[in-house]
Amino acid sequence: MEKIHDIMTDKVDSCSLLDNVFEVAVKMKELNVGAIPIVDNDQLVGMITDRDIVLRCVAEKNPPSSKVEKIMSKDLVTVTKDMDAHEAASLMAKHQIRRLPVVEGNKLVGIVSLGDFAVHHLTDQKAGEALTDISESSNQIQH
């Protein structure tokens, strides 16, 4: 069975609590990513996604100079490097999330995303179904 350390990305850029939403958005653009972990003294304290910026900043008419703490998600689901990849996929499905920060204690050491699972061709049918459920439910348009 594959472990998270076999499929995770271990070179993860992050922002700090000193950064503002504009700086996070610029970093997302430069790196071509949809999420940036927020760290404070090497400790993972939050995560900001492109969706967070749209819903919690732009749609609520907050300025781009807003502190990241104002819009970041703080209640994070995380995994460790030694966790079974199928277990992590089930967590993603259960919580309807596309990315999981990988931590040792509270220190950010990597990130694993839906794309990582796809690239590594997880063969467990249940994990594949779980990941499909995430994609289908997040692609539904609310009228």
Protein backbone atom coordinates (compact mmCIF):
# COMPACT_ATOMS: atom_id res chain seq x y z
CA MET A 1 0.00 0.00 0.00
CA GLU A 2 1.21 3.45 -0.86
CA LYS A 3 1.88 5.95 1.88
CA ILE A 4 1.42 9.70 1.66
CA HIS A 5 5.20 10.24 1.49
CA ASP A 6 5.18 8.24 -1.79
CA ILE A 7 2.80 10.63 -3.55
CA MET A 8 2.94 14.00 -1.76
CA THR A 9 4.59 17.16 -2.99
CA ASP A 10 7.29 18.08 -0.51
CA LYS A 11 8.34 21.41 -1.98
CA VAL A 12 5.50 23.63 -0.79
CA ASP A 13 5.54 27.41 -0.86
CA SER A 14 3.63 29.13 1.88
CA CYS A 15 2.70 32.56 3.15
CA SER A 16 2.74 33.93 6.69
CA LEU A 17 0.31 35.79 8.88
CA LEU A 18 2.18 38.96 7.89
CA ASP A 19 1.05 38.61 4.26
CA ASN A 20 -2.16 40.08 2.91
CA VAL A 21 -4.69 38.58 0.51
CA PHE A 22 -3.19 40.37 -2.50
CA GLU A 23 0.24 38.85 -1.79
CA VAL A 24 -1.30 35.38 -1.49
CA ALA A 25 -3.14 35.84 -4.80
CA VAL A 26 0.06 36.96 -6.55
CA LYS A 27 1.91 33.91 -5.21
CA MET A 28 -0.92 31.65 -6.43
CA LYS A 29 -0.62 33.19 -9.88
CA GLU A 30 3.18 32.90 -9.98
CA LEU A 31 3.11 29.26 -8.85
CA ASN A 32 -0.03 28.35 -10.81
CA VAL A 33 -1.67 26.82 -7.72
CA GLY A 34 -5.10 27.12 -6.16
CA ALA A 35 -4.12 26.95 -2.50
CA ILE A 36 -1.42 28.35 -0.26
CA PRO A 37 -0.71 27.11 3.28
CA ILE A 38 -0.30 29.81 5.94
CA VAL A 39 2.48 29.26 8.46
CA ASP A 40 3.56 31.06 11.61
CA ASN A 41 7.04 30.22 12.93
CA ASP A 42 7.10 27.04 10.79
CA GLN A 43 3.75 25.93 12.23
CA LEU A 44 0.77 25.39 9.92
CA VAL A 45 -1.99 27.75 11.05
CA GLY A 46 -4.29 27.93 8.03
CA MET A 47 -4.89 27.54 4.33
CA ILE A 48 -6.19 29.91 1.69
CA THR A 49 -7.69 28.72 -1.58
CA ASP A 50 -8.62 30.71 -4.65
CA ARG A 51 -12.23 30.03 -3.67
CA ASP A 52 -11.64 31.54 -0.21
CA ILE A 53 -10.37 34.71 -1.89
CA VAL A 54 -13.48 34.95 -4.05
CA LEU A 55 -16.05 34.12 -1.36
CA ARG A 56 -14.52 35.63 1.77
CA CYS A 57 -12.71 38.60 0.31
CA VAL A 58 -14.03 39.76 -3.08
CA ALA A 59 -17.71 38.80 -2.61
CA GLU A 60 -17.75 40.40 0.84
CA LYS A 61 -16.10 43.56 -0.52
CA ASN A 62 -13.00 43.22 1.65
CA PRO A 63 -9.93 45.00 0.26
CA PRO A 64 -7.01 43.01 -1.18
CA SER A 65 -4.94 44.42 1.67
CA SER A 66 -6.96 42.33 4.16
CA LYS A 67 -4.95 40.16 6.52
CA VAL A 68 -4.79 36.50 5.53
CA GLU A 69 -6.06 35.58 8.97
CA LYS A 70 -9.40 37.17 8.09
CA ILE A 71 -10.15 34.81 5.20
CA MET A 72 -8.04 31.70 5.74
CA SER A 73 -9.51 28.37 6.77
CA LYS A 74 -8.28 27.54 10.27
CA ASP A 75 -9.93 24.20 11.00
CA LEU A 76 -7.76 22.06 8.77
CA VAL A 77 -7.83 18.36 8.06
CA THR A 78 -4.21 17.20 7.90
CA VAL A 79 -2.34 13.96 7.33
CA THR A 80 1.09 12.62 8.20
CA LYS A 81 3.71 11.28 5.78
CA ASP A 82 3.19 7.74 7.05
CA MET A 83 -0.59 7.67 6.61
CA ASP A 84 -1.97 5.18 4.11
CA ALA A 85 -2.87 6.93 0.84
CA HIS A 86 -6.27 5.24 0.69
CA GLU A 87 -7.09 6.47 4.18
CA ALA A 88 -6.16 10.00 3.11
CA ALA A 89 -8.38 9.70 0.03
CA SER A 90 -11.28 8.69 2.27
CA LEU A 91 -10.63 11.77 4.47
CA MET A 92 -10.73 13.97 1.38
CA ALA A 93 -14.07 12.48 0.33
CA LYS A 94 -15.54 12.69 3.82
CA HIS A 95 -14.62 16.37 4.21
CA GLN A 96 -15.13 17.28 0.51
CA ILE A 97 -11.64 18.76 0.13
CA ARG A 98 -9.16 18.60 -2.72
CA ARG A 99 -5.90 19.15 -0.82
CA LEU A 100 -4.48 17.90 2.45
CA PRO A 101 -1.53 19.52 4.19
CA VAL A 102 1.05 16.98 5.33
CA VAL A 103 2.43 17.71 8.78
CA GLU A 104 4.89 16.43 11.35
CA GLY A 105 3.46 17.71 14.59
CA ASN A 106 2.18 21.10 13.42
CA LYS A 107 5.07 21.69 11.00
CA LEU A 108 4.14 21.73 7.31
CA VAL A 109 6.23 19.17 5.39
CA GLY A 110 4.19 18.76 2.21
CA ILE A 111 0.83 18.70 0.54
CA VAL A 112 -1.17 16.01 -1.23
CA SER A 113 -3.91 16.80 -3.75
CA LEU A 114 -6.44 15.02 -5.92
CA GLY A 115 -3.98 15.38 -8.78
CA ASP A 116 -1.31 13.49 -6.84
CA PHE A 117 -3.68 10.55 -6.44
CA ALA A 118 -4.54 10.62 -10.14
CA VAL A 119 -0.89 10.75 -11.24
CA HIS A 120 0.01 7.81 -9.01
CA HIS A 121 -2.95 5.74 -10.23
CA LEU A 122 -4.34 4.55 -6.93
CA THR A 123 -5.81 1.19 -7.74
CA ASP A 124 -8.12 0.78 -4.78
CA GLN A 125 -11.63 1.05 -6.22
CA LYS A 126 -13.08 2.53 -3.04
CA ALA A 127 -10.49 5.34 -2.99
CA GLY A 128 -11.16 6.07 -6.66
CA GLU A 129 -14.88 6.27 -6.03
CA ALA A 130 -14.30 8.59 -3.09
CA LEU A 131 -12.23 10.93 -5.22
CA THR A 132 -14.84 10.86 -7.98
CA ASP A 133 -17.48 11.86 -5.42
CA ILE A 134 -15.43 14.93 -4.45
CA SER A 135 -15.12 16.07 -8.06
CA GLU A 136 -18.78 15.47 -8.87
CA SER A 137 -20.17 17.22 -5.81
CA SER A 138 -17.93 20.26 -6.24
CA ASN A 139 -18.81 20.60 -9.93
CA GLN A 140 -22.54 20.90 -9.28
CA ILE A 141 -23.89 24.38 -9.92
CA GLN A 142 -26.36 25.77 -7.43
CA HIS A 143 -29.32 27.61 -8.97
